[in-house]
Amino acid sequence: MGVPLDNSGSHNAAGTNVSTIEPGAGSHPGTGSGTIETGGNTAGNGGDGYFYGGIIHASLIVYEPVNISVSVGYGANALAEQINNAGIDQSAVQMAGIGGNGGNGNAALGGNVDLSSGAGAGSIVTGANSVGNGGVGHFSGTLLDAPIVIYNPINIAVGAGAHASQSNTVAIDQSATQIAGVGGNGGNGDVAIGGDVSTTGSGSGSGGIDTGGNHAGNGGDGSFTGSLVHTSVVVYDPVNISVAGYNSSSYAFQNNNVHLDQYAIQMAGIGGNGGNGSVAIGGHVGSSGLWGGSDAIATGSNSAGNGGNGYFSGTLVDISVAIYAPVNIAIAGPHATAVADQINNVHIDQSAVQIAGIGGHGGDGNLAMGGDIAAHLLSDLHSMA
């Protein structure tokens, strides 16, 4: 069904610290490194859920009890009695493409980088750490639930002094819950911090320094493409007939207690809620001395506790049909008495809740900050001396 388990534990993921020291006497300066990366760490993130295809629940019930009593000759009695207690459950729960929730109390930290008197590095990455984020939910296909119930009890008594009695107690549950393409909620109290970068002494600098792009406690996006269809049909036609001959009595009694539930909940393309109390901070960058600088320094693009986006493209359909037509007939000949009683207690619930394309709520008490940048360079006069 594409529904991953939640990652609710506490985990830590940290990159290894990197340090380069000024070369000793008689040695040659280092040539630096093409790339230094201590970031890209993940901890406690919910897994993504993917579903492509169709989920179909199609139930069909035909229930038609028949009771007939016919007396032979005049002066005879015909008695037909029918008691039906029916419980029909066609409820369905359909879930697909659900992203797992992010865990709580996790940490993903980029390692620190300390460079001194070297040739620098092509690029330094200590950011892009991810922790406690809800997984993305993708659904593409069809969820279909189409239960049908046909219930036609028939009770007939024909003859002198005919008596027909019918009692029906029926409970039909056609409720459905359909959930597809829902992003997981972000965890609470998670921390994602890019490692610090420090450069001292002289060097050629680096092509780029990136300590940002950290994410903590964000809700996953929900994406749905396709159709949600819930179609319920109930046909309920109890019939009670009593026919008596001349100078006879005819009695027909029908008692119906019906509870019909066609309630439906349909949710699709719902973004997960952002967590609370999460922190995403870009690492600090500090340089001093005759360092050659960097082409680009990025400590921002951090996010914490944001609600996921909700995407929906397709159709939500809920069609409920209930046909309830009880019939009670008593026929007596000349000089006879005909009595027909019918009692109906019916409860029909065809309510529906349809939710689609809703973005998740942002969390509370979250912090997203770009790292500080401090540059302490020698003056032009001092550098020319």
Protein backbone atom coordinates (compact mmCIF):
# COMPACT_ATOMS: atom_id res chain seq x y z
CA MET A 1 0.00 0.00 0.00
CA GLY A 2 3.02 2.31 0.07
CA VAL A 3 2.66 3.21 3.76
CA PRO A 4 6.05 3.35 5.52
CA LEU A 5 6.45 3.07 9.27
CA ASP A 6 7.08 6.19 11.34
CA ASN A 7 10.62 6.89 12.42
CA SER A 8 9.88 7.94 15.98
CA GLY A 9 13.19 7.17 17.67
CA SER A 10 15.99 9.54 18.63
CA HIS A 11 19.05 9.40 16.40
CA ASN A 12 22.16 11.50 15.85
CA ALA A 13 24.09 11.90 12.62
CA ALA A 14 27.23 14.00 12.58
CA GLY A 15 29.89 14.58 9.98
CA THR A 16 33.57 14.14 10.90
CA ASN A 17 35.55 17.28 11.71
CA VAL A 18 38.27 18.23 9.23
CA SER A 19 41.40 20.20 10.19
CA THR A 20 44.43 21.18 8.14
CA ILE A 21 47.47 22.64 9.92
CA GLU A 22 50.27 24.87 8.62
CA PRO A 23 53.12 22.68 7.28
CA GLY A 24 56.20 22.27 9.44
CA ALA A 25 59.74 23.52 8.72
CA GLY A 26 61.39 22.00 5.71
CA SER A 27 58.16 20.77 4.26
CA HIS A 28 56.15 22.02 1.35
CA PRO A 29 52.80 23.76 1.67
CA GLY A 30 49.84 21.51 1.06
CA THR A 31 47.97 21.75 -2.19
CA GLY A 32 44.59 21.67 -0.52
CA SER A 33 41.65 19.54 -1.39
CA GLY A 34 39.33 19.55 -4.38
CA THR A 35 36.25 19.05 -2.20
CA ILE A 36 35.66 18.93 1.53
CA GLU A 37 32.23 17.66 2.54
CA THR A 38 31.11 16.92 6.08
CA GLY A 39 27.40 17.67 5.61
CA GLY A 40 24.54 15.85 3.95
CA ASN A 41 23.71 13.98 7.15
CA THR A 42 20.22 12.62 7.84
CA ALA A 43 18.53 11.43 11.03
CA GLY A 44 15.02 10.47 12.00
CA ASN A 45 13.37 11.33 8.70
CA GLY A 46 10.14 9.61 7.74
CA GLY A 47 10.27 7.42 4.65
CA ASP A 48 8.49 8.40 1.46
CA GLY A 49 5.38 6.55 0.37
CA TYR A 50 4.75 5.82 -3.31
CA PHE A 51 1.72 4.21 -4.86
CA TYR A 52 0.93 3.69 -8.53
CA GLY A 53 -2.07 1.62 -9.55
CA GLY A 54 -5.56 0.97 -8.27
CA ILE A 55 -7.21 -0.03 -5.00
CA ILE A 56 -10.70 -1.40 -5.55
CA HIS A 57 -13.22 -2.55 -2.96
CA ALA A 58 -16.45 -3.66 -4.65
CA SER A 59 -18.95 -5.56 -2.50
CA LEU A 60 -22.33 -6.83 -3.71
CA ILE A 61 -25.05 -8.35 -1.53
CA VAL A 62 -28.43 -9.59 -2.77
CA TYR A 63 -30.69 -10.65 0.12
CA GLU A 64 -34.25 -11.65 -0.83
CA PRO A 65 -36.05 -13.87 1.68
CA VAL A 66 -39.54 -14.99 0.53
CA ASN A 67 -42.27 -16.40 2.80
CA ILE A 68 -45.59 -17.63 1.28
CA SER A 69 -48.52 -19.41 2.95
CA VAL A 70 -51.61 -20.45 0.94
CA SER A 71 -54.59 -22.26 2.52
CA VAL A 72 -56.70 -24.71 0.55
CA GLY A 73 -60.52 -24.52 0.68
CA TYR A 74 -62.91 -22.14 2.32
CA GLY A 75 -62.84 -21.63 6.03
CA ALA A 76 -59.14 -22.42 6.26
CA ASN A 77 -56.51 -20.14 7.80
CA ALA A 78 -53.28 -19.04 6.13
CA LEU A 79 -50.52 -17.76 8.38
CA ALA A 80 -47.22 -16.35 7.12
CA GLU A 81 -44.71 -14.90 9.56
CA GLN A 82 -41.28 -13.60 8.72
CA ILE A 83 -38.61 -12.18 11.07
CA ASN A 84 -35.34 -10.94 9.60
CA ASN A 85 -32.37 -9.60 11.52
CA ALA A 86 -29.67 -8.59 9.06
CA GLY A 87 -26.33 -6.97 9.77
CA ILE A 88 -24.36 -6.02 6.68
CA ASP A 89 -20.94 -4.42 6.96
CA GLN A 90 -19.40 -3.11 3.76
CA SER A 91 -17.17 -0.54 5.37
CA ALA A 92 -13.76 0.02 3.84
CA VAL A 93 -10.51 1.73 4.76
CA GLN A 94 -8.23 2.46 1.82
CA MET A 95 -4.83 4.11 2.32
CA ALA A 96 -2.05 4.50 -0.20
CA GLY A 97 0.99 6.67 -0.82
CA ILE A 98 1.42 7.89 2.78
CA GLY A 99 4.71 9.41 3.87
CA GLY A 100 6.02 8.44 7.29
CA ASN A 101 6.19 10.95 10.13
CA GLY A 102 9.55 12.40 11.11
CA GLY A 103 10.98 11.35 14.45
CA ASN A 104 11.42 13.51 17.56
CA GLY A 105 14.55 14.69 19.31
CA ASN A 106 16.97 13.89 16.48
CA ALA A 107 20.13 15.75 15.47
CA ALA A 108 22.04 15.99 12.18
CA LEU A 109 25.21 18.06 12.40
CA GLY A 110 27.75 18.88 9.73
CA GLY A 111 31.36 18.52 10.81
CA ASN A 112 33.54 21.60 11.37
CA VAL A 113 36.28 22.52 8.88
CA ASP A 114 39.44 24.34 9.99
CA LEU A 115 41.92 25.42 7.31
CA SER A 116 45.20 27.23 7.96
CA SER A 117 48.08 28.19 5.62
CA GLY A 118 47.06 25.87 2.81
CA ALA A 119 46.07 26.09 -0.78
CA GLY A 120 42.41 25.99 0.10
CA ALA A 121 39.73 23.78 -1.31
CA GLY A 122 37.65 23.67 -4.46
CA SER A 123 34.48 23.62 -2.38
CA ILE A 124 33.56 23.17 1.26
CA VAL A 125 30.15 21.73 2.16
CA THR A 126 29.08 21.28 5.78
CA GLY A 127 25.36 21.95 5.31
CA ALA A 128 22.45 20.16 3.62
CA ASN A 129 21.72 18.23 6.81
CA SER A 130 18.23 16.83 7.24
CA VAL A 131 16.53 15.65 10.43
CA GLY A 132 13.01 14.77 11.59
CA ASN A 133 11.31 15.67 8.32
CA GLY A 134 8.10 13.96 7.28
CA GLY A 135 8.28 11.72 4.25
CA VAL A 136 6.65 12.66 0.97
CA GLY A 137 3.49 10.84 -0.05
CA HIS A 138 2.87 10.16 -3.74
CA PHE A 139 -0.26 8.58 -5.14
CA SER A 140 -1.14 8.05 -8.77
CA GLY A 141 -4.07 5.85 -9.69
CA THR A 142 -7.56 5.11 -8.44
CA LEU A 143 -9.22 4.37 -5.11
CA LEU A 144 -12.62 2.79 -5.73
CA ASP A 145 -15.16 1.58 -3.18
CA ALA A 146 -18.52 0.52 -4.65
CA PRO A 147 -20.67 -1.53 -2.26
CA ILE A 148 -24.22 -2.47 -3.34
CA VAL A 149 -26.99 -3.99 -1.21
CA ILE A 150 -30.32 -5.27 -2.57
CA TYR A 151 -32.65 -6.39 0.22
CA ASN A 152 -36.18 -7.47 -0.75
CA PRO A 153 -38.03 -9.58 1.84
CA ILE A 154 -41.50 -10.76 0.68
CA ASN A 155 -44.25 -12.14 2.94
CA ILE A 156 -47.58 -13.40 1.47
CA ALA A 157 -50.53 -15.15 3.10
CA VAL A 158 -53.58 -16.08 0.99
CA GLY A 159 -56.73 -17.77 2.32
CA ALA A 160 -59.66 -17.39 4.68
CA GLY A 161 -58.58 -15.54 7.79
CA ALA A 162 -55.19 -14.76 6.26
CA HIS A 163 -52.53 -13.42 8.58
CA ALA A 164 -49.18 -12.05 7.35
CA SER A 165 -46.60 -10.69 9.78
CA GLN A 166 -43.19 -9.35 8.85
CA SER A 167 -40.53 -7.87 11.14
CA ASN A 168 -37.20 -6.62 9.78
CA THR A 169 -34.25 -5.28 11.74
CA VAL A 170 -31.53 -4.25 9.34
CA ALA A 171 -28.18 -2.51 9.87
CA ILE A 172 -26.16 -1.71 6.77
CA ASP A 173 -22.74 -0.09 7.04
CA GLN A 174 -21.30 1.21 3.80
CA SER A 175 -18.99 3.79 5.34
CA ALA A 176 -15.63 4.31 3.69
CA THR A 177 -12.37 6.02 4.55
CA GLN A 178 -10.11 6.78 1.62
CA ILE A 179 -6.74 8.44 2.20
CA ALA A 180 -4.12 8.86 -0.50
CA GLY A 181 -1.08 11.00 -1.21
CA VAL A 182 -0.55 12.39 2.30
CA GLY A 183 2.79 13.73 3.49
CA GLY A 184 4.10 12.73 6.91
CA ASN A 185 4.19 15.22 9.78
CA GLY A 186 7.50 16.76 10.80
CA GLY A 187 9.02 15.70 14.10
CA ASN A 188 9.40 17.84 17.21
CA GLY A 189 12.57 19.11 18.86
CA ASP A 190 14.90 18.23 15.99
CA VAL A 191 18.19 20.01 15.25
CA ALA A 192 19.98 20.37 11.90
CA ILE A 193 23.09 22.56 11.97
CA GLY A 194 25.74 23.07 9.33
CA GLY A 195 29.31 22.72 10.49
CA ASP A 196 31.48 25.81 11.06
CA VAL A 197 34.23 26.76 8.61
CA SER A 198 37.29 28.60 9.85
CA THR A 199 40.24 29.78 7.76
CA THR A 200 43.36 31.38 9.13
CA GLY A 201 46.71 32.40 7.68
CA SER A 202 47.38 32.59 3.98
CA GLY A 203 45.82 30.54 1.27
CA SER A 204 44.20 30.66 -2.14
CA GLY A 205 40.70 30.41 -0.77
CA SER A 206 37.99 28.08 -1.97
CA GLY A 207 35.58 27.91 -4.86
CA GLY A 208 32.54 27.93 -2.60
CA ILE A 209 31.57 27.53 1.03
CA ASP A 210 28.10 26.14 1.81
CA THR A 211 26.97 25.64 5.40
CA GLY A 212 23.26 26.27 4.82
CA GLY A 213 20.40 24.30 3.29
CA ASN A 214 19.60 22.53 6.56
CA HIS A 215 16.08 21.20 7.22
CA ALA A 216 14.47 20.19 10.50
CA GLY A 217 10.92 19.17 11.40
CA ASN A 218 9.28 20.07 8.09
CA GLY A 219 6.09 18.39 6.99
CA GLY A 220 6.31 16.29 3.85
CA ASP A 221 4.45 17.23 0.68
CA GLY A 222 1.33 15.34 -0.32
CA SER A 223 0.75 14.62 -3.99
CA PHE A 224 -2.32 12.98 -5.51
CA THR A 225 -3.15 12.36 -9.13
CA GLY A 226 -6.15 10.24 -10.05
CA SER A 227 -9.62 9.58 -8.68
CA LEU A 228 -11.29 8.85 -5.36
CA VAL A 229 -14.66 7.22 -5.93
CA HIS A 230 -17.10 6.06 -3.26
CA THR A 231 -20.39 4.79 -4.68
CA SER A 232 -22.97 3.23 -2.35
CA VAL A 233 -26.35 1.94 -3.50
CA VAL A 234 -29.03 0.44 -1.29
CA VAL A 235 -32.36 -0.89 -2.55
CA TYR A 236 -34.65 -1.95 0.31
CA ASP A 237 -38.19 -3.03 -0.66
CA PRO A 238 -40.00 -5.10 1.97
CA VAL A 239 -43.42 -6.33 0.76
CA ASN A 240 -46.16 -7.71 3.02
CA ILE A 241 -49.48 -8.96 1.50
CA SER A 242 -52.45 -10.62 3.17
CA VAL A 243 -55.53 -11.70 1.15
CA ALA A 244 -58.61 -13.33 2.71
CA GLY A 245 -61.74 -14.93 1.18
CA TYR A 246 -65.40 -14.09 1.71
CA ASN A 247 -66.64 -13.38 5.24
CA SER A 248 -63.04 -13.58 6.49
CA SER A 249 -60.57 -11.29 8.15
CA SER A 250 -57.28 -10.20 6.66
CA TYR A 251 -54.44 -8.93 8.82
CA ALA A 252 -51.10 -7.61 7.59
CA PHE A 253 -48.46 -6.22 9.93
CA GLN A 254 -45.01 -4.93 8.99
CA ASN A 255 -42.36 -3.54 11.35
CA ASN A 256 -39.08 -2.21 9.93
CA ASN A 257 -36.10 -0.88 11.86
CA VAL A 258 -33.41 0.24 9.46
CA HIS A 259 -30.06 1.89 10.10
CA LEU A 260 -28.15 2.81 6.97
CA ASP A 261 -24.69 4.36 7.11
CA GLN A 262 -23.16 5.63 3.88
CA TYR A 263 -20.79 8.06 5.53
CA ALA A 264 -17.55 8.71 3.65
CA ILE A 265 -14.24 10.41 4.37
CA GLN A 266 -12.05 11.18 1.39
CA MET A 267 -8.65 12.82 1.79
CA ALA A 268 -6.09 13.32 -0.96
CA GLY A 269 -3.06 15.49 -1.60
CA ILE A 270 -2.60 16.68 2.00
CA GLY A 271 0.69 18.19 3.14
CA GLY A 272 2.03 17.13 6.52
CA ASN A 273 2.10 19.54 9.45
CA GLY A 274 5.36 21.12 10.51
CA GLY A 275 6.84 20.05 13.83
CA ASN A 276 7.34 22.19 16.94
CA GLY A 277 10.53 23.39 18.57
CA SER A 278 12.87 22.41 15.72
CA VAL A 279 16.06 24.26 14.79
CA ALA A 280 17.85 24.63 11.43
CA ILE A 281 20.94 26.86 11.48
CA GLY A 282 23.64 27.44 8.90
CA GLY A 283 27.21 27.02 10.13
CA HIS A 284 29.38 30.05 10.90
CA VAL A 285 32.10 31.12 8.49
CA GLY A 286 35.16 32.98 9.77
CA SER A 287 38.32 33.98 7.92
CA SER A 288 41.36 35.96 8.96
CA GLY A 289 44.74 36.74 7.46
CA LEU A 290 45.63 36.66 3.80
CA TRP A 291 43.04 34.09 2.80
CA GLY A 292 42.12 34.36 -0.85
CA GLY A 293 38.40 34.38 -0.24
CA SER A 294 35.64 32.35 -1.86
CA ASP A 295 33.61 32.74 -5.01
CA ALA A 296 30.39 32.15 -3.01
CA ILE A 297 29.51 31.76 0.64
CA ALA A 298 26.05 30.35 1.49
CA THR A 299 24.80 29.96 5.05
CA GLY A 300 21.08 30.41 4.40
CA SER A 301 18.23 28.40 2.84
CA ASN A 302 17.54 26.75 6.19
CA SER A 303 14.00 25.66 7.02
CA ALA A 304 12.34 24.39 10.19
CA GLY A 305 8.77 23.50 11.09
CA ASN A 306 7.23 24.34 7.73
CA GLY A 307 3.99 22.69 6.67
CA GLY A 308 4.19 20.54 3.57
CA ASN A 309 2.49 21.49 0.33
CA GLY A 310 -0.67 19.74 -0.79
CA TYR A 311 -1.09 18.83 -4.45
CA PHE A 312 -4.26 17.36 -5.92
CA SER A 313 -5.10 16.68 -9.51
CA GLY A 314 -8.05 14.48 -10.31
CA THR A 315 -11.54 13.75 -9.01
CA LEU A 316 -13.27 13.19 -5.68
CA VAL A 317 -16.59 11.40 -6.19
CA ASP A 318 -19.07 10.32 -3.51
CA ILE A 319 -22.38 8.97 -4.86
CA SER A 320 -24.82 7.53 -2.34
CA VAL A 321 -28.21 6.17 -3.40
CA ALA A 322 -30.79 4.76 -1.00
CA ILE A 323 -34.15 3.41 -2.24
CA TYR A 324 -36.46 2.45 0.61
CA ALA A 325 -40.00 1.48 -0.44
CA PRO A 326 -41.84 -0.78 2.04
CA VAL A 327 -45.21 -2.11 0.83
CA ASN A 328 -47.95 -3.47 3.11
CA ILE A 329 -51.26 -4.71 1.61
CA ALA A 330 -54.32 -6.31 3.27
CA ILE A 331 -57.30 -7.32 1.09
CA ALA A 332 -60.53 -8.79 2.46
CA GLY A 333 -63.64 -9.91 0.62
CA PRO A 334 -67.25 -8.77 1.22
CA HIS A 335 -68.43 -8.62 4.85
CA ALA A 336 -64.79 -9.00 6.00
CA THR A 337 -62.36 -6.82 7.90
CA ALA A 338 -58.95 -5.85 6.50
CA VAL A 339 -56.27 -4.40 8.78
CA ALA A 340 -52.83 -3.26 7.56
CA ASP A 341 -50.27 -1.91 10.02
CA GLN A 342 -46.83 -0.66 9.08
CA ILE A 343 -44.16 0.77 11.39
CA ASN A 344 -40.94 2.14 9.93
CA ASN A 345 -37.97 3.44 11.89
CA VAL A 346 -35.34 4.51 9.42
CA HIS A 347 -31.99 6.25 9.90
CA ILE A 348 -29.98 7.06 6.78
CA ASP A 349 -26.60 8.80 6.92
CA GLN A 350 -25.21 9.85 3.56
CA SER A 351 -22.87 12.56 4.81
CA ALA A 352 -19.44 12.92 3.29
CA VAL A 353 -16.21 14.72 4.11
CA GLN A 354 -13.99 15.47 1.13
CA ILE A 355 -10.60 17.11 1.63
CA ALA A 356 -8.10 17.64 -1.16
CA GLY A 357 -5.05 19.75 -1.94
CA ILE A 358 -4.50 21.14 1.57
CA GLY A 359 -1.14 22.42 2.77
CA GLY A 360 0.04 21.41 6.23
CA HIS A 361 0.10 23.75 9.21
CA GLY A 362 3.37 25.38 10.19
CA GLY A 363 4.82 24.34 13.54
CA ASP A 364 5.31 26.48 16.64
CA GLY A 365 8.51 27.65 18.27
CA ASN A 366 10.81 26.75 15.37
CA LEU A 367 14.04 28.54 14.44
CA ALA A 368 15.72 28.85 11.05
CA MET A 369 18.83 31.04 10.88
CA GLY A 370 21.61 31.68 8.44
CA GLY A 371 25.12 31.32 9.81
CA ASP A 372 27.28 34.33 10.64
CA ILE A 373 30.09 35.43 8.33
CA ALA A 374 33.11 37.16 9.83
CA ALA A 375 36.10 38.26 7.74
CA HIS A 376 39.18 39.76 9.38
CA LEU A 377 41.62 40.68 6.61
CA LEU A 378 44.88 42.61 6.80
CA SER A 379 44.84 46.15 5.45
CA ASP A 380 46.16 46.94 1.97
CA LEU A 381 49.11 48.81 3.43
CA HIS A 382 50.06 45.96 5.70
CA SER A 383 49.64 43.41 2.92
CA MET A 384 51.92 45.38 0.59
CA ALA A 385 54.67 45.72 3.16
